[in-house]
Amino acid sequence: MNDDARYEVLRNDEDQYSLWPAGQEVPAGWHQVGKEGTKDECSAYVDEVWTDMRPRSLRERMEQTAR
């Protein structure tokens, strides 16, 4: 990857995150979260917000069975 490249952070419906080249069409099932920057900046953002790596559907299922 080019260190000078710009990226944006995407999130899918399962609350999983990904870095994507800025300006490229966002793939189906993914949504922009409003963070754009260098690879390091975007990676740091993802590290801050993605604290539970489990997909949303798994978290919800686990919460239901814990009740």
PDB file of N, CA and C in Angstrom:
ATOM      1  N   MET A   1       0.835  -1.182   0.000  1.00  0.00           N
ATOM      2  CA  MET A   1       0.000   0.000   0.000  1.00  0.00           C
ATOM      3  C   MET A   1       0.881   1.247   0.000  1.00  0.00           C
ATOM      4  N   ASN A   2       0.428   2.246  -0.666  1.00  0.00           N
ATOM      5  CA  ASN A   2       1.134   3.514  -0.759  1.00  0.00           C
ATOM      6  C   ASN A   2       0.961   4.292   0.550  1.00  0.00           C
ATOM      7  N   ASP A   3       2.075   4.683   1.193  1.00  0.00           N
ATOM      8  CA  ASP A   3       2.007   5.405   2.464  1.00  0.00           C
ATOM      9  C   ASP A   3       1.374   6.782   2.326  1.00  0.00           C
ATOM     10  N   ASP A   4       1.386   7.357   1.127  1.00  0.00           N
ATOM     11  CA  ASP A   4       0.785   8.676   0.907  1.00  0.00           C
ATOM     12  C   ASP A   4      -0.698   8.582   0.555  1.00  0.00           C
ATOM     13  N   ALA A   5      -1.192   7.394   0.421  1.00  0.00           N
ATOM     14  CA  ALA A   5      -2.579   7.202   0.010  1.00  0.00           C
ATOM     15  C   ALA A   5      -3.525   7.662   1.112  1.00  0.00           C
ATOM     16  N   ARG A   6      -4.729   8.061   0.703  1.00  0.00           N
ATOM     17  CA  ARG A   6      -5.785   8.457   1.640  1.00  0.00           C
ATOM     18  C   ARG A   6      -6.787   7.314   1.732  1.00  0.00           C
ATOM     19  N   TYR A   7      -7.281   7.130   2.932  1.00  0.00           N
ATOM     20  CA  TYR A   7      -8.231   6.054   3.187  1.00  0.00           C
ATOM     21  C   TYR A   7      -9.458   6.610   3.884  1.00  0.00           C
ATOM     22  N   GLU A   8     -10.517   5.830   3.855  1.00  0.00           N
ATOM     23  CA  GLU A   8     -11.684   6.136   4.661  1.00  0.00           C
ATOM     24  C   GLU A   8     -12.065   4.866   5.408  1.00  0.00           C
ATOM     25  N   VAL A   9     -12.737   5.073   6.527  1.00  0.00           N
ATOM     26  CA  VAL A   9     -13.154   3.943   7.342  1.00  0.00           C
ATOM     27  C   VAL A   9     -14.582   3.573   6.970  1.00  0.00           C
ATOM     28  N   LEU A  10     -14.791   2.288   6.756  1.00  0.00           N
ATOM     29  CA  LEU A  10     -16.115   1.766   6.446  1.00  0.00           C
ATOM     30  C   LEU A  10     -16.558   0.827   7.562  1.00  0.00           C
ATOM     31  N   ARG A  11     -17.884   0.676   7.702  1.00  0.00           N
ATOM     32  CA  ARG A  11     -18.462  -0.269   8.659  1.00  0.00           C
ATOM     33  C   ARG A  11     -19.595  -1.005   7.958  1.00  0.00           C
ATOM     34  N   ASN A  12     -19.721  -2.294   8.266  1.00  0.00           N
ATOM     35  CA  ASN A  12     -20.824  -3.055   7.674  1.00  0.00           C
ATOM     36  C   ASN A  12     -21.946  -3.222   8.695  1.00  0.00           C
ATOM     37  N   ASP A  13     -22.994  -3.916   8.304  1.00  0.00           N
ATOM     38  CA  ASP A  13     -24.164  -4.079   9.168  1.00  0.00           C
ATOM     39  C   ASP A  13     -23.880  -4.943  10.391  1.00  0.00           C
ATOM     40  N   GLU A  14     -22.774  -5.643  10.404  1.00  0.00           N
ATOM     41  CA  GLU A  14     -22.371  -6.450  11.555  1.00  0.00           C
ATOM     42  C   GLU A  14     -21.435  -5.668  12.475  1.00  0.00           C
ATOM     43  N   ASP A  15     -21.283  -4.362  12.226  1.00  0.00           N
ATOM     44  CA  ASP A  15     -20.399  -3.481  13.008  1.00  0.00           C
ATOM     45  C   ASP A  15     -18.931  -3.878  12.901  1.00  0.00           C
ATOM     46  N   GLN A  16     -18.543  -4.397  11.755  1.00  0.00           N
ATOM     47  CA  GLN A  16     -17.146  -4.695  11.476  1.00  0.00           C
ATOM     48  C   GLN A  16     -16.583  -3.545  10.651  1.00  0.00           C
ATOM     49  N   TYR A  17     -15.328  -3.215  10.872  1.00  0.00           N
ATOM     50  CA  TYR A  17     -14.702  -2.059  10.238  1.00  0.00           C
ATOM     51  C   TYR A  17     -13.667  -2.483   9.210  1.00  0.00           C
ATOM     52  N   SER A  18     -13.429  -1.578   8.253  1.00  0.00           N
ATOM     53  CA  SER A  18     -12.431  -1.817   7.225  1.00  0.00           C
ATOM     54  C   SER A  18     -11.898  -0.480   6.724  1.00  0.00           C
ATOM     55  N   LEU A  19     -10.647  -0.483   6.278  1.00  0.00           N
ATOM     56  CA  LEU A  19     -10.074   0.687   5.602  1.00  0.00           C
ATOM     57  C   LEU A  19     -10.289   0.499   4.107  1.00  0.00           C
ATOM     58  N   TRP A  20     -10.599   1.603   3.434  1.00  0.00           N
ATOM     59  CA  TRP A  20     -10.892   1.547   2.002  1.00  0.00           C
ATOM     60  C   TRP A  20     -10.242   2.758   1.349  1.00  0.00           C
ATOM     61  N   PRO A  21      -9.686   2.596   0.155  1.00  0.00           N
ATOM     62  CA  PRO A  21      -9.078   3.749  -0.522  1.00  0.00           C
ATOM     63  C   PRO A  21     -10.109   4.871  -0.726  1.00  0.00           C
ATOM     64  N   ALA A  22      -9.764   6.065  -0.297  1.00  0.00           N
ATOM     65  CA  ALA A  22     -10.665   7.216  -0.437  1.00  0.00           C
ATOM     66  C   ALA A  22     -10.941   7.474  -1.905  1.00  0.00           C
ATOM     67  N   GLY A  23     -12.163   7.816  -2.186  1.00  0.00           N
ATOM     68  CA  GLY A  23     -12.554   8.137  -3.548  1.00  0.00           C
ATOM     69  C   GLY A  23     -13.012   6.943  -4.366  1.00  0.00           C
ATOM     70  N   GLN A  24     -12.820   5.743  -3.839  1.00  0.00           N
ATOM     71  CA  GLN A  24     -13.274   4.541  -4.533  1.00  0.00           C
ATOM     72  C   GLN A  24     -14.730   4.268  -4.155  1.00  0.00           C
ATOM     73  N   GLU A  25     -15.453   3.636  -5.058  1.00  0.00           N
ATOM     74  CA  GLU A  25     -16.841   3.290  -4.782  1.00  0.00           C
ATOM     75  C   GLU A  25     -16.892   2.338  -3.586  1.00  0.00           C
ATOM     76  N   VAL A  26     -17.785   2.639  -2.665  1.00  0.00           N
ATOM     77  CA  VAL A  26     -17.937   1.818  -1.463  1.00  0.00           C
ATOM     78  C   VAL A  26     -18.643   0.509  -1.842  1.00  0.00           C
ATOM     79  N   PRO A  27     -18.081  -0.626  -1.428  1.00  0.00           N
ATOM     80  CA  PRO A  27     -18.690  -1.915  -1.781  1.00  0.00           C
ATOM     81  C   PRO A  27     -20.068  -2.085  -1.145  1.00  0.00           C
ATOM     82  N   ALA A  28     -20.888  -2.873  -1.773  1.00  0.00           N
ATOM     83  CA  ALA A  28     -22.223  -3.169  -1.250  1.00  0.00           C
ATOM     84  C   ALA A  28     -22.101  -3.748   0.152  1.00  0.00           C
ATOM     85  N   GLY A  29     -22.990  -3.311   1.039  1.00  0.00           N
ATOM     86  CA  GLY A  29     -23.000  -3.810   2.403  1.00  0.00           C
ATOM     87  C   GLY A  29     -22.113  -3.040   3.361  1.00  0.00           C
ATOM     88  N   TRP A  30     -21.379  -2.069   2.858  1.00  0.00           N
ATOM     89  CA  TRP A  30     -20.491  -1.251   3.681  1.00  0.00           C
ATOM     90  C   TRP A  30     -20.947   0.204   3.628  1.00  0.00           C
ATOM     91  N   HIS A  31     -20.650   0.951   4.709  1.00  0.00           N
ATOM     92  CA  HIS A  31     -21.080   2.340   4.817  1.00  0.00           C
ATOM     93  C   HIS A  31     -19.934   3.195   5.345  1.00  0.00           C
ATOM     94  N   GLN A  32     -19.833   4.399   4.851  1.00  0.00           N
ATOM     95  CA  GLN A  32     -18.824   5.338   5.343  1.00  0.00           C
ATOM     96  C   GLN A  32     -19.188   5.783   6.755  1.00  0.00           C
ATOM     97  N   VAL A  33     -18.168   5.925   7.607  1.00  0.00           N
ATOM     98  CA  VAL A  33     -18.416   6.381   8.975  1.00  0.00           C
ATOM     99  C   VAL A  33     -17.993   7.825   9.184  1.00  0.00           C
ATOM    100  N   GLY A  34     -17.398   8.431   8.168  1.00  0.00           N
ATOM    101  CA  GLY A  34     -17.027   9.839   8.259  1.00  0.00           C
ATOM    102  C   GLY A  34     -15.586  10.089   8.668  1.00  0.00           C
ATOM    103  N   LYS A  35     -14.768   9.056   8.717  1.00  0.00           N
ATOM    104  CA  LYS A  35     -13.353   9.222   9.049  1.00  0.00           C
ATOM    105  C   LYS A  35     -12.530   8.966   7.804  1.00  0.00           C
ATOM    106  N   GLU A  36     -11.681   9.930   7.473  1.00  0.00           N
ATOM    107  CA  GLU A  36     -10.775   9.801   6.329  1.00  0.00           C
ATOM    108  C   GLU A  36      -9.414  10.320   6.747  1.00  0.00           C
ATOM    109  N   GLY A  37      -8.354   9.708   6.229  1.00  0.00           N
ATOM    110  CA  GLY A  37      -7.002  10.159   6.543  1.00  0.00           C
ATOM    111  C   GLY A  37      -5.979   9.175   6.029  1.00  0.00           C
ATOM    112  N   THR A  38      -4.798   9.230   6.641  1.00  0.00           N
ATOM    113  CA  THR A  38      -3.743   8.292   6.267  1.00  0.00           C
ATOM    114  C   THR A  38      -4.102   6.907   6.803  1.00  0.00           C
ATOM    115  N   LYS A  39      -3.359   5.926   6.362  1.00  0.00           N
ATOM    116  CA  LYS A  39      -3.594   4.560   6.845  1.00  0.00           C
ATOM    117  C   LYS A  39      -3.444   4.511   8.366  1.00  0.00           C
ATOM    118  N   ASP A  40      -2.410   5.164   8.882  1.00  0.00           N
ATOM    119  CA  ASP A  40      -2.180   5.159  10.328  1.00  0.00           C
ATOM    120  C   ASP A  40      -3.303   5.865  11.085  1.00  0.00           C
ATOM    121  N   GLU A  41      -3.772   6.990  10.574  1.00  0.00           N
ATOM    122  CA  GLU A  41      -4.860   7.717  11.227  1.00  0.00           C
ATOM    123  C   GLU A  41      -6.139   6.889  11.251  1.00  0.00           C
ATOM    124  N   CYS A  42      -6.461   6.271  10.132  1.00  0.00           N
ATOM    125  CA  CYS A  42      -7.677   5.465  10.055  1.00  0.00           C
ATOM    126  C   CYS A  42      -7.558   4.212  10.918  1.00  0.00           C
ATOM    127  N   SER A  43      -6.399   3.602  10.922  1.00  0.00           N
ATOM    128  CA  SER A  43      -6.187   2.418  11.760  1.00  0.00           C
ATOM    129  C   SER A  43      -6.318   2.763  13.240  1.00  0.00           C
ATOM    130  N   ALA A  44      -5.789   3.910  13.633  1.00  0.00           N
ATOM    131  CA  ALA A  44      -5.903   4.351  15.031  1.00  0.00           C
ATOM    132  C   ALA A  44      -7.364   4.581  15.401  1.00  0.00           C
ATOM    133  N   TYR A  45      -8.135   5.151  14.487  1.00  0.00           N
ATOM    134  CA  TYR A  45      -9.558   5.369  14.734  1.00  0.00           C
ATOM    135  C   TYR A  45     -10.278   4.032  14.934  1.00  0.00           C
ATOM    136  N   VAL A  46     -10.001   3.087  14.057  1.00  0.00           N
ATOM    137  CA  VAL A  46     -10.636   1.763  14.160  1.00  0.00           C
ATOM    138  C   VAL A  46     -10.254   1.114  15.491  1.00  0.00           C
ATOM    139  N   ASP A  47      -8.995   1.225  15.896  1.00  0.00           N
ATOM    140  CA  ASP A  47      -8.565   0.663  17.178  1.00  0.00           C
ATOM    141  C   ASP A  47      -9.348   1.264  18.343  1.00  0.00           C
ATOM    142  N   GLU A  48      -9.704   2.540  18.246  1.00  0.00           N
ATOM    143  CA  GLU A  48     -10.462   3.219  19.310  1.00  0.00           C
ATOM    144  C   GLU A  48     -11.913   2.759  19.366  1.00  0.00           C
ATOM    145  N   VAL A  49     -12.551   2.628  18.214  1.00  0.00           N
ATOM    146  CA  VAL A  49     -13.999   2.390  18.195  1.00  0.00           C
ATOM    147  C   VAL A  49     -14.402   0.927  18.102  1.00  0.00           C
ATOM    148  N   TRP A  50     -13.542   0.074  17.573  1.00  0.00           N
ATOM    149  CA  TRP A  50     -13.906  -1.332  17.386  1.00  0.00           C
ATOM    150  C   TRP A  50     -13.326  -2.144  18.536  1.00  0.00           C
ATOM    151  N   THR A  51     -13.976  -2.037  19.678  1.00  0.00           N
ATOM    152  CA  THR A  51     -13.463  -2.670  20.889  1.00  0.00           C
ATOM    153  C   THR A  51     -13.964  -4.089  21.076  1.00  0.00           C
ATOM    154  N   ASP A  52     -15.016  -4.460  20.392  1.00  0.00           N
ATOM    155  CA  ASP A  52     -15.564  -5.818  20.471  1.00  0.00           C
ATOM    156  C   ASP A  52     -15.591  -6.385  19.063  1.00  0.00           C
ATOM    157  N   MET A  53     -14.706  -7.319  18.798  1.00  0.00           N
ATOM    158  CA  MET A  53     -14.530  -7.829  17.445  1.00  0.00           C
ATOM    159  C   MET A  53     -15.636  -8.791  16.999  1.00  0.00           C
ATOM    160  N   ARG A  54     -16.496  -9.184  17.929  1.00  0.00           N
ATOM    161  CA  ARG A  54     -17.565 -10.116  17.555  1.00  0.00           C
ATOM    162  C   ARG A  54     -18.573  -9.413  16.641  1.00  0.00           C
ATOM    163  N   PRO A  55     -19.072 -10.116  15.626  1.00  0.00           N
ATOM    164  CA  PRO A  55     -20.120  -9.538  14.782  1.00  0.00           C
ATOM    165  C   PRO A  55     -21.352  -9.213  15.628  1.00  0.00           C
ATOM    166  N   ARG A  56     -22.093  -8.209  15.203  1.00  0.00           N
ATOM    167  CA  ARG A  56     -23.285  -7.774  15.931  1.00  0.00           C
ATOM    168  C   ARG A  56     -24.248  -8.934  16.178  1.00  0.00           C
ATOM    169  N   SER A  57     -24.495  -9.752  15.158  1.00  0.00           N
ATOM    170  CA  SER A  57     -25.454 -10.847  15.314  1.00  0.00           C
ATOM    171  C   SER A  57     -25.017 -11.816  16.419  1.00  0.00           C
ATOM    172  N   LEU A  58     -23.743 -12.077  16.543  1.00  0.00           N
ATOM    173  CA  LEU A  58     -23.249 -12.951  17.601  1.00  0.00           C
ATOM    174  C   LEU A  58     -23.424 -12.294  18.966  1.00  0.00           C
ATOM    175  N   ARG A  59     -23.085 -11.030  19.084  1.00  0.00           N
ATOM    176  CA  ARG A  59     -23.261 -10.319  20.358  1.00  0.00           C
ATOM    177  C   ARG A  59     -24.716 -10.350  20.798  1.00  0.00           C
ATOM    178  N   GLU A  60     -25.629 -10.102  19.858  1.00  0.00           N
ATOM    179  CA  GLU A  60     -27.054 -10.097  20.192  1.00  0.00           C
ATOM    180  C   GLU A  60     -27.527 -11.480  20.625  1.00  0.00           C
ATOM    181  N   ARG A  61     -27.066 -12.508  19.933  1.00  0.00           N
ATOM    182  CA  ARG A  61     -27.438 -13.880  20.289  1.00  0.00           C
ATOM    183  C   ARG A  61     -26.923 -14.228  21.685  1.00  0.00           C
ATOM    184  N   MET A  62     -25.694 -13.836  21.973  1.00  0.00           N
ATOM    185  CA  MET A  62     -25.108 -14.124  23.280  1.00  0.00           C
ATOM    186  C   MET A  62     -25.845 -13.375  24.389  1.00  0.00           C
ATOM    187  N   GLU A  63     -26.263 -12.145  24.118  1.00  0.00           N
ATOM    188  CA  GLU A  63     -27.015 -11.377  25.105  1.00  0.00           C
ATOM    189  C   GLU A  63     -28.364 -12.035  25.386  1.00  0.00           C
ATOM    190  N   GLN A  64     -29.017 -12.551  24.361  1.00  0.00           N
ATOM    191  CA  GLN A  64     -30.315 -13.204  24.539  1.00  0.00           C
ATOM    192  C   GLN A  64     -30.196 -14.489  25.345  1.00  0.00           C
ATOM    193  N   THR A  65     -29.152 -15.257  25.114  1.00  0.00           N
ATOM    194  CA  THR A  65     -29.001 -16.508  25.843  1.00  0.00           C
ATOM    195  C   THR A  65     -28.539 -16.271  27.289  1.00  0.00           C
ATOM    196  N   ALA A  66     -27.960 -15.113  27.562  1.00  0.00           N
ATOM    197  CA  ALA A  66     -27.503 -14.792  28.914  1.00  0.00           C
ATOM    198  C   ALA A  66     -28.660 -14.370  29.818  1.00  0.00           C
ATOM    199  N   ARG A  67     -29.818 -14.061  29.239  1.00  0.00           N
ATOM    200  CA  ARG A  67     -30.961 -13.606  30.027  1.00  0.00           C
ATOM    201  C   ARG A  67     -31.670 -14.736  30.692  1.00  0.00           C
TER     202      ARG A  67
END
